[in-house]
Amino acid sequence: MNLYSKAVKLALECKDIDLAQEYANKPSEHKIKKKLWIKIAKYLFNYQNPQTADAKLYGYVPSTTGAKKEVNVEEALKIINRCNVLKV
């Protein structure tokens, strides 16, 4: 799992969600896939920039500093629904 995890992490650091999804789907073991998709979901809900997103539905999540930040929930849910590992 370590190489898949690193690949997903690097793809997310480069803001390449499609590449992260591709690597998250590669492992044959269900538990590993689930961990990788959870990593992608956390990224989407914590770091997505709502100004660049097309959808108009946003939610607010607390950040580590205590301030609320805007997250494009609709777009994040569309991406998560593409996997067959996580249930929403």
PDB file of N, CA and C in Angstrom:
ATOM      1  N   MET A   1       0.823  -1.190   0.000  1.00  0.00           N
ATOM      2  CA  MET A   1       0.000   0.000   0.000  1.00  0.00           C
ATOM      3  C   MET A   1       0.866   1.252   0.000  1.00  0.00           C
ATOM      4  N   ASN A   2       2.045   1.163   0.523  1.00  0.00           N
ATOM      5  CA  ASN A   2       2.875   2.334   0.696  1.00  0.00           C
ATOM      6  C   ASN A   2       3.090   3.092  -0.614  1.00  0.00           C
ATOM      7  N   LEU A   3       3.343   2.398  -1.709  1.00  0.00           N
ATOM      8  CA  LEU A   3       3.568   3.077  -2.989  1.00  0.00           C
ATOM      9  C   LEU A   3       2.282   3.709  -3.518  1.00  0.00           C
ATOM     10  N   TYR A   4       1.168   3.020  -3.363  1.00  0.00           N
ATOM     11  CA  TYR A   4      -0.109   3.601  -3.792  1.00  0.00           C
ATOM     12  C   TYR A   4      -0.437   4.839  -2.960  1.00  0.00           C
ATOM     13  N   SER A   5      -0.181   4.759  -1.674  1.00  0.00           N
ATOM     14  CA  SER A   5      -0.434   5.884  -0.792  1.00  0.00           C
ATOM     15  C   SER A   5       0.420   7.083  -1.181  1.00  0.00           C
ATOM     16  N   LYS A   6       1.689   6.834  -1.472  1.00  0.00           N
ATOM     17  CA  LYS A   6       2.577   7.915  -1.904  1.00  0.00           C
ATOM     18  C   LYS A   6       2.124   8.500  -3.236  1.00  0.00           C
ATOM     19  N   ALA A   7       1.684   7.641  -4.150  1.00  0.00           N
ATOM     20  CA  ALA A   7       1.220   8.112  -5.454  1.00  0.00           C
ATOM     21  C   ALA A   7      -0.011   9.002  -5.307  1.00  0.00           C
ATOM     22  N   VAL A   8      -0.952   8.593  -4.474  1.00  0.00           N
ATOM     23  CA  VAL A   8      -2.161   9.393  -4.237  1.00  0.00           C
ATOM     24  C   VAL A   8      -1.782  10.711  -3.573  1.00  0.00           C
ATOM     25  N   LYS A   9      -0.894  10.642  -2.586  1.00  0.00           N
ATOM     26  CA  LYS A   9      -0.474  11.858  -1.885  1.00  0.00           C
ATOM     27  C   LYS A   9       0.190  12.849  -2.848  1.00  0.00           C
ATOM     28  N   LEU A  10       1.080  12.364  -3.693  1.00  0.00           N
ATOM     29  CA  LEU A  10       1.753  13.245  -4.654  1.00  0.00           C
ATOM     30  C   LEU A  10       0.773  13.837  -5.660  1.00  0.00           C
ATOM     31  N   ALA A  11      -0.166  13.020  -6.119  1.00  0.00           N
ATOM     32  CA  ALA A  11      -1.167  13.520  -7.066  1.00  0.00           C
ATOM     33  C   ALA A  11      -2.011  14.620  -6.424  1.00  0.00           C
ATOM     34  N   LEU A  12      -2.387  14.447  -5.167  1.00  0.00           N
ATOM     35  CA  LEU A  12      -3.174  15.464  -4.474  1.00  0.00           C
ATOM     36  C   LEU A  12      -2.355  16.724  -4.218  1.00  0.00           C
ATOM     37  N   GLU A  13      -1.069  16.566  -3.922  1.00  0.00           N
ATOM     38  CA  GLU A  13      -0.203  17.737  -3.739  1.00  0.00           C
ATOM     39  C   GLU A  13      -0.114  18.550  -5.027  1.00  0.00           C
ATOM     40  N   CYS A  14      -0.193  17.854  -6.163  1.00  0.00           N
ATOM     41  CA  CYS A  14      -0.169  18.533  -7.469  1.00  0.00           C
ATOM     42  C   CYS A  14      -1.569  18.950  -7.910  1.00  0.00           C
ATOM     43  N   LYS A  15      -2.552  18.714  -7.058  1.00  0.00           N
ATOM     44  CA  LYS A  15      -3.963  19.043  -7.334  1.00  0.00           C
ATOM     45  C   LYS A  15      -4.497  18.306  -8.555  1.00  0.00           C
ATOM     46  N   ASP A  16      -4.002  17.091  -8.764  1.00  0.00           N
ATOM     47  CA  ASP A  16      -4.450  16.252  -9.877  1.00  0.00           C
ATOM     48  C   ASP A  16      -5.386  15.173  -9.322  1.00  0.00           C
ATOM     49  N   ILE A  17      -6.659  15.523  -9.188  1.00  0.00           N
ATOM     50  CA  ILE A  17      -7.655  14.624  -8.593  1.00  0.00           C
ATOM     51  C   ILE A  17      -7.835  13.372  -9.448  1.00  0.00           C
ATOM     52  N   ASP A  18      -7.830  13.530 -10.769  1.00  0.00           N
ATOM     53  CA  ASP A  18      -8.019  12.375 -11.654  1.00  0.00           C
ATOM     54  C   ASP A  18      -6.915  11.343 -11.474  1.00  0.00           C
ATOM     55  N   LEU A  19      -5.679  11.796 -11.367  1.00  0.00           N
ATOM     56  CA  LEU A  19      -4.558  10.873 -11.168  1.00  0.00           C
ATOM     57  C   LEU A  19      -4.649  10.208  -9.800  1.00  0.00           C
ATOM     58  N   ALA A  20      -5.049  10.957  -8.795  1.00  0.00           N
ATOM     59  CA  ALA A  20      -5.219  10.381  -7.457  1.00  0.00           C
ATOM     60  C   ALA A  20      -6.290   9.289  -7.486  1.00  0.00           C
ATOM     61  N   GLN A  21      -7.386   9.533  -8.197  1.00  0.00           N
ATOM     62  CA  GLN A  21      -8.454   8.530  -8.313  1.00  0.00           C
ATOM     63  C   GLN A  21      -7.956   7.287  -9.029  1.00  0.00           C
ATOM     64  N   GLU A  22      -7.173   7.491 -10.063  1.00  0.00           N
ATOM     65  CA  GLU A  22      -6.637   6.365 -10.824  1.00  0.00           C
ATOM     66  C   GLU A  22      -5.790   5.455  -9.931  1.00  0.00           C
ATOM     67  N   TYR A  23      -4.908   6.056  -9.135  1.00  0.00           N
ATOM     68  CA  TYR A  23      -4.066   5.253  -8.247  1.00  0.00           C
ATOM     69  C   TYR A  23      -4.838   4.673  -7.076  1.00  0.00           C
ATOM     70  N   ALA A  24      -5.883   5.342  -6.633  1.00  0.00           N
ATOM     71  CA  ALA A  24      -6.696   4.814  -5.540  1.00  0.00           C
ATOM     72  C   ALA A  24      -7.461   3.571  -5.972  1.00  0.00           C
ATOM     73  N   ASN A  25      -7.731   3.444  -7.265  1.00  0.00           N
ATOM     74  CA  ASN A  25      -8.468   2.282  -7.772  1.00  0.00           C
ATOM     75  C   ASN A  25      -7.569   1.106  -8.148  1.00  0.00           C
ATOM     76  N   LYS A  26      -6.263   1.277  -8.139  1.00  0.00           N
ATOM     77  CA  LYS A  26      -5.350   0.221  -8.572  1.00  0.00           C
ATOM     78  C   LYS A  26      -5.211  -0.960  -7.617  1.00  0.00           C
ATOM     79  N   PRO A  27      -5.142  -0.749  -6.301  1.00  0.00           N
ATOM     80  CA  PRO A  27      -4.949  -1.912  -5.421  1.00  0.00           C
ATOM     81  C   PRO A  27      -6.105  -2.905  -5.533  1.00  0.00           C
ATOM     82  N   SER A  28      -5.780  -4.172  -5.394  1.00  0.00           N
ATOM     83  CA  SER A  28      -6.823  -5.192  -5.473  1.00  0.00           C
ATOM     84  C   SER A  28      -7.515  -5.400  -4.125  1.00  0.00           C
ATOM     85  N   GLU A  29      -6.862  -5.030  -3.051  1.00  0.00           N
ATOM     86  CA  GLU A  29      -7.432  -5.221  -1.720  1.00  0.00           C
ATOM     87  C   GLU A  29      -8.399  -4.081  -1.364  1.00  0.00           C
ATOM     88  N   HIS A  30      -9.594  -4.449  -0.938  1.00  0.00           N
ATOM     89  CA  HIS A  30     -10.658  -3.491  -0.634  1.00  0.00           C
ATOM     90  C   HIS A  30     -10.263  -2.504   0.471  1.00  0.00           C
ATOM     91  N   LYS A  31      -9.614  -2.987   1.534  1.00  0.00           N
ATOM     92  CA  LYS A  31      -9.237  -2.115   2.650  1.00  0.00           C
ATOM     93  C   LYS A  31      -8.271  -1.022   2.202  1.00  0.00           C
ATOM     94  N   ILE A  32      -7.343  -1.372   1.337  1.00  0.00           N
ATOM     95  CA  ILE A  32      -6.367  -0.397   0.847  1.00  0.00           C
ATOM     96  C   ILE A  32      -7.065   0.649  -0.017  1.00  0.00           C
ATOM     97  N   LYS A  33      -7.944   0.190  -0.907  1.00  0.00           N
ATOM     98  CA  LYS A  33      -8.704   1.134  -1.731  1.00  0.00           C
ATOM     99  C   LYS A  33      -9.486   2.116  -0.866  1.00  0.00           C
ATOM    100  N   LYS A  34     -10.118   1.599   0.172  1.00  0.00           N
ATOM    101  CA  LYS A  34     -10.933   2.434   1.042  1.00  0.00           C
ATOM    102  C   LYS A  34     -10.077   3.502   1.717  1.00  0.00           C
ATOM    103  N   LYS A  35      -8.900   3.126   2.222  1.00  0.00           N
ATOM    104  CA  LYS A  35      -8.014   4.097   2.865  1.00  0.00           C
ATOM    105  C   LYS A  35      -7.579   5.179   1.882  1.00  0.00           C
ATOM    106  N   LEU A  36      -7.279   4.783   0.652  1.00  0.00           N
ATOM    107  CA  LEU A  36      -6.842   5.749  -0.352  1.00  0.00           C
ATOM    108  C   LEU A  36      -7.978   6.696  -0.724  1.00  0.00           C
ATOM    109  N   TRP A  37      -9.191   6.166  -0.869  1.00  0.00           N
ATOM    110  CA  TRP A  37     -10.336   7.022  -1.194  1.00  0.00           C
ATOM    111  C   TRP A  37     -10.693   7.951  -0.032  1.00  0.00           C
ATOM    112  N   ILE A  38     -10.491   7.496   1.187  1.00  0.00           N
ATOM    113  CA  ILE A  38     -10.714   8.370   2.340  1.00  0.00           C
ATOM    114  C   ILE A  38      -9.715   9.519   2.310  1.00  0.00           C
ATOM    115  N   LYS A  39      -8.491   9.233   1.913  1.00  0.00           N
ATOM    116  CA  LYS A  39      -7.477  10.281   1.783  1.00  0.00           C
ATOM    117  C   LYS A  39      -7.908  11.320   0.742  1.00  0.00           C
ATOM    118  N   ILE A  40      -8.460  10.848  -0.371  1.00  0.00           N
ATOM    119  CA  ILE A  40      -8.944  11.759  -1.417  1.00  0.00           C
ATOM    120  C   ILE A  40     -10.125  12.574  -0.892  1.00  0.00           C
ATOM    121  N   ALA A  41     -11.050  11.922  -0.197  1.00  0.00           N
ATOM    122  CA  ALA A  41     -12.223  12.620   0.341  1.00  0.00           C
ATOM    123  C   ALA A  41     -11.803  13.704   1.333  1.00  0.00           C
ATOM    124  N   LYS A  42     -10.855  13.392   2.207  1.00  0.00           N
ATOM    125  CA  LYS A  42     -10.369  14.389   3.156  1.00  0.00           C
ATOM    126  C   LYS A  42      -9.766  15.570   2.417  1.00  0.00           C
ATOM    127  N   TYR A  43      -9.010  15.281   1.386  1.00  0.00           N
ATOM    128  CA  TYR A  43      -8.415  16.363   0.594  1.00  0.00           C
ATOM    129  C   TYR A  43      -9.506  17.247  -0.011  1.00  0.00           C
ATOM    130  N   LEU A  44     -10.508  16.614  -0.601  1.00  0.00           N
ATOM    131  CA  LEU A  44     -11.573  17.374  -1.254  1.00  0.00           C
ATOM    132  C   LEU A  44     -12.325  18.263  -0.282  1.00  0.00           C
ATOM    133  N   PHE A  45     -12.579  17.764   0.912  1.00  0.00           N
ATOM    134  CA  PHE A  45     -13.346  18.546   1.877  1.00  0.00           C
ATOM    135  C   PHE A  45     -12.491  19.539   2.655  1.00  0.00           C
ATOM    136  N   ASN A  46     -11.179  19.361   2.669  1.00  0.00           N
ATOM    137  CA  ASN A  46     -10.319  20.262   3.429  1.00  0.00           C
ATOM    138  C   ASN A  46      -9.584  21.289   2.594  1.00  0.00           C
ATOM    139  N   TYR A  47      -9.297  20.983   1.330  1.00  0.00           N
ATOM    140  CA  TYR A  47      -8.399  21.841   0.569  1.00  0.00           C
ATOM    141  C   TYR A  47      -8.966  22.353  -0.739  1.00  0.00           C
ATOM    142  N   GLN A  48     -10.161  21.990  -1.088  1.00  0.00           N
ATOM    143  CA  GLN A  48     -10.716  22.413  -2.364  1.00  0.00           C
ATOM    144  C   GLN A  48     -11.025  23.902  -2.342  1.00  0.00           C
ATOM    145  N   ASN A  49     -10.691  24.591  -3.417  1.00  0.00           N
ATOM    146  CA  ASN A  49     -10.922  26.031  -3.530  1.00  0.00           C
ATOM    147  C   ASN A  49     -12.277  26.265  -4.181  1.00  0.00           C
ATOM    148  N   PRO A  50     -13.257  26.772  -3.466  1.00  0.00           N
ATOM    149  CA  PRO A  50     -14.602  26.938  -4.033  1.00  0.00           C
ATOM    150  C   PRO A  50     -14.681  27.970  -5.149  1.00  0.00           C
ATOM    151  N   GLN A  51     -13.732  28.905  -5.228  1.00  0.00           N
ATOM    152  CA  GLN A  51     -13.779  29.909  -6.281  1.00  0.00           C
ATOM    153  C   GLN A  51     -13.520  29.286  -7.651  1.00  0.00           C
ATOM    154  N   THR A  52     -12.822  28.155  -7.705  1.00  0.00           N
ATOM    155  CA  THR A  52     -12.521  27.536  -8.990  1.00  0.00           C
ATOM    156  C   THR A  52     -13.530  26.464  -9.369  1.00  0.00           C
ATOM    157  N   ALA A  53     -14.440  26.140  -8.499  1.00  0.00           N
ATOM    158  CA  ALA A  53     -15.398  25.075  -8.767  1.00  0.00           C
ATOM    159  C   ALA A  53     -16.607  25.617  -9.524  1.00  0.00           C
ATOM    160  N   ASP A  54     -17.234  24.738 -10.291  1.00  0.00           N
ATOM    161  CA  ASP A  54     -18.391  25.132 -11.081  1.00  0.00           C
ATOM    162  C   ASP A  54     -19.704  25.100 -10.290  1.00  0.00           C
ATOM    163  N   ALA A  55     -19.824  24.186  -9.356  1.00  0.00           N
ATOM    164  CA  ALA A  55     -21.081  24.010  -8.641  1.00  0.00           C
ATOM    165  C   ALA A  55     -21.347  25.172  -7.700  1.00  0.00           C
ATOM    166  N   LYS A  56     -22.600  25.326  -7.316  1.00  0.00           N
ATOM    167  CA  LYS A  56     -22.979  26.465  -6.489  1.00  0.00           C
ATOM    168  C   LYS A  56     -23.313  26.083  -5.047  1.00  0.00           C
ATOM    169  N   LEU A  57     -23.222  24.805  -4.707  1.00  0.00           N
ATOM    170  CA  LEU A  57     -23.558  24.358  -3.359  1.00  0.00           C
ATOM    171  C   LEU A  57     -22.293  24.280  -2.520  1.00  0.00           C
ATOM    172  N   TYR A  58     -22.253  25.055  -1.454  1.00  0.00           N
ATOM    173  CA  TYR A  58     -21.079  25.073  -0.587  1.00  0.00           C
ATOM    174  C   TYR A  58     -21.503  24.801   0.832  1.00  0.00           C
ATOM    175  N   GLY A  59     -20.609  24.210   1.581  1.00  0.00           N
ATOM    176  CA  GLY A  59     -20.825  24.003   2.993  1.00  0.00           C
ATOM    177  C   GLY A  59     -19.665  24.627   3.737  1.00  0.00           C
ATOM    178  N   TYR A  60     -19.773  24.723   5.027  1.00  0.00           N
ATOM    179  CA  TYR A  60     -18.701  25.292   5.821  1.00  0.00           C
ATOM    180  C   TYR A  60     -18.182  24.234   6.772  1.00  0.00           C
ATOM    181  N   VAL A  61     -16.872  24.118   6.827  1.00  0.00           N
ATOM    182  CA  VAL A  61     -16.237  23.185   7.743  1.00  0.00           C
ATOM    183  C   VAL A  61     -15.240  23.966   8.587  1.00  0.00           C
ATOM    184  N   PRO A  62     -15.083  23.589   9.839  1.00  0.00           N
ATOM    185  CA  PRO A  62     -14.099  24.288  10.668  1.00  0.00           C
ATOM    186  C   PRO A  62     -12.686  23.909  10.245  1.00  0.00           C
ATOM    187  N   SER A  63     -11.799  24.871  10.226  1.00  0.00           N
ATOM    188  CA  SER A  63     -10.400  24.587   9.914  1.00  0.00           C
ATOM    189  C   SER A  63      -9.649  24.371  11.218  1.00  0.00           C
ATOM    190  N   THR A  64      -8.382  24.065  11.122  1.00  0.00           N
ATOM    191  CA  THR A  64      -7.586  23.818  12.321  1.00  0.00           C
ATOM    192  C   THR A  64      -7.414  25.079  13.154  1.00  0.00           C
ATOM    193  N   THR A  65      -7.587  26.243  12.532  1.00  0.00           N
ATOM    194  CA  THR A  65      -7.450  27.499  13.261  1.00  0.00           C
ATOM    195  C   THR A  65      -8.747  27.909  13.946  1.00  0.00           C
ATOM    196  N   GLY A  66      -9.815  27.169  13.719  1.00  0.00           N
ATOM    197  CA  GLY A  66     -11.101  27.486  14.328  1.00  0.00           C
ATOM    198  C   GLY A  66     -12.001  28.298  13.420  1.00  0.00           C
ATOM    199  N   ALA A  67     -11.444  28.873  12.360  1.00  0.00           N
ATOM    200  CA  ALA A  67     -12.252  29.644  11.412  1.00  0.00           C
ATOM    201  C   ALA A  67     -12.985  28.689  10.486  1.00  0.00           C
ATOM    202  N   LYS A  68     -14.117  29.127   9.982  1.00  0.00           N
ATOM    203  CA  LYS A  68     -14.855  28.300   9.030  1.00  0.00           C
ATOM    204  C   LYS A  68     -14.348  28.605   7.632  1.00  0.00           C
ATOM    205  N   LYS A  69     -14.279  27.562   6.793  1.00  0.00           N
ATOM    206  CA  LYS A  69     -13.895  27.799   5.410  1.00  0.00           C
ATOM    207  C   LYS A  69     -14.904  27.137   4.496  1.00  0.00           C
ATOM    208  N   GLU A  70     -15.055  27.678   3.308  1.00  0.00           N
ATOM    209  CA  GLU A  70     -16.043  27.220   2.344  1.00  0.00           C
ATOM    210  C   GLU A  70     -15.525  25.996   1.596  1.00  0.00           C
ATOM    211  N   VAL A  71     -16.387  25.005   1.411  1.00  0.00           N
ATOM    212  CA  VAL A  71     -16.048  23.790   0.685  1.00  0.00           C
ATOM    213  C   VAL A  71     -17.150  23.501  -0.317  1.00  0.00           C
ATOM    214  N   ASN A  72     -16.775  23.142  -1.525  1.00  0.00           N
ATOM    215  CA  ASN A  72     -17.734  22.804  -2.558  1.00  0.00           C
ATOM    216  C   ASN A  72     -18.191  21.357  -2.343  1.00  0.00           C
ATOM    217  N   VAL A  73     -19.266  21.186  -1.621  1.00  0.00           N
ATOM    218  CA  VAL A  73     -19.752  19.873  -1.226  1.00  0.00           C
ATOM    219  C   VAL A  73     -20.254  19.083  -2.436  1.00  0.00           C
ATOM    220  N   GLU A  74     -20.977  19.723  -3.313  1.00  0.00           N
ATOM    221  CA  GLU A  74     -21.555  19.034  -4.464  1.00  0.00           C
ATOM    222  C   GLU A  74     -20.470  18.410  -5.345  1.00  0.00           C
ATOM    223  N   GLU A  75     -19.439  19.167  -5.628  1.00  0.00           N
ATOM    224  CA  GLU A  75     -18.352  18.662  -6.474  1.00  0.00           C
ATOM    225  C   GLU A  75     -17.605  17.528  -5.783  1.00  0.00           C
ATOM    226  N   ALA A  76     -17.351  17.671  -4.498  1.00  0.00           N
ATOM    227  CA  ALA A  76     -16.663  16.628  -3.745  1.00  0.00           C
ATOM    228  C   ALA A  76     -17.474  15.336  -3.730  1.00  0.00           C
ATOM    229  N   LEU A  77     -18.792  15.452  -3.550  1.00  0.00           N
ATOM    230  CA  LEU A  77     -19.642  14.262  -3.530  1.00  0.00           C
ATOM    231  C   LEU A  77     -19.698  13.577  -4.891  1.00  0.00           C
ATOM    232  N   LYS A  78     -19.666  14.354  -5.976  1.00  0.00           N
ATOM    233  CA  LYS A  78     -19.640  13.760  -7.314  1.00  0.00           C
ATOM    234  C   LYS A  78     -18.397  12.893  -7.490  1.00  0.00           C
ATOM    235  N   ILE A  79     -17.273  13.404  -7.037  1.00  0.00           N
ATOM    236  CA  ILE A  79     -16.018  12.664  -7.184  1.00  0.00           C
ATOM    237  C   ILE A  79     -16.025  11.419  -6.311  1.00  0.00           C
ATOM    238  N   ILE A  80     -16.490  11.542  -5.084  1.00  0.00           N
ATOM    239  CA  ILE A  80     -16.523  10.390  -4.175  1.00  0.00           C
ATOM    240  C   ILE A  80     -17.484   9.320  -4.678  1.00  0.00           C
ATOM    241  N   ASN A  81     -18.577   9.719  -5.293  1.00  0.00           N
ATOM    242  CA  ASN A  81     -19.550   8.750  -5.807  1.00  0.00           C
ATOM    243  C   ASN A  81     -19.000   7.934  -6.972  1.00  0.00           C
ATOM    244  N   ARG A  82     -17.914   8.390  -7.587  1.00  0.00           N
ATOM    245  CA  ARG A  82     -17.295   7.628  -8.674  1.00  0.00           C
ATOM    246  C   ARG A  82     -16.639   6.345  -8.203  1.00  0.00           C
ATOM    247  N   CYS A  83     -16.297   6.288  -6.945  1.00  0.00           N
ATOM    248  CA  CYS A  83     -15.653   5.068  -6.436  1.00  0.00           C
ATOM    249  C   CYS A  83     -16.728   4.129  -5.925  1.00  0.00           C
ATOM    250  N   ASN A  84     -16.390   2.849  -5.871  1.00  0.00           N
ATOM    251  CA  ASN A  84     -17.351   1.874  -5.361  1.00  0.00           C
ATOM    252  C   ASN A  84     -16.960   1.411  -3.966  1.00  0.00           C
ATOM    253  N   VAL A  85     -16.108   2.185  -3.306  1.00  0.00           N
ATOM    254  CA  VAL A  85     -15.580   1.791  -1.998  1.00  0.00           C
ATOM    255  C   VAL A  85     -16.265   2.552  -0.865  1.00  0.00           C
ATOM    256  N   LEU A  86     -16.467   3.848  -1.044  1.00  0.00           N
ATOM    257  CA  LEU A  86     -17.080   4.669   0.006  1.00  0.00           C
ATOM    258  C   LEU A  86     -18.569   4.830  -0.247  1.00  0.00           C
ATOM    259  N   LYS A  87     -19.326   4.885   0.814  1.00  0.00           N
ATOM    260  CA  LYS A  87     -20.769   5.104   0.728  1.00  0.00           C
ATOM    261  C   LYS A  87     -21.080   6.491   1.247  1.00  0.00           C
ATOM    262  N   VAL A  88     -21.931   7.206   0.534  1.00  0.00           N
ATOM    263  CA  VAL A  88     -22.310   8.550   0.950  1.00  0.00           C
ATOM    264  C   VAL A  88     -23.796   8.587   1.193  1.00  0.00           C
TER     265      VAL A  88
END
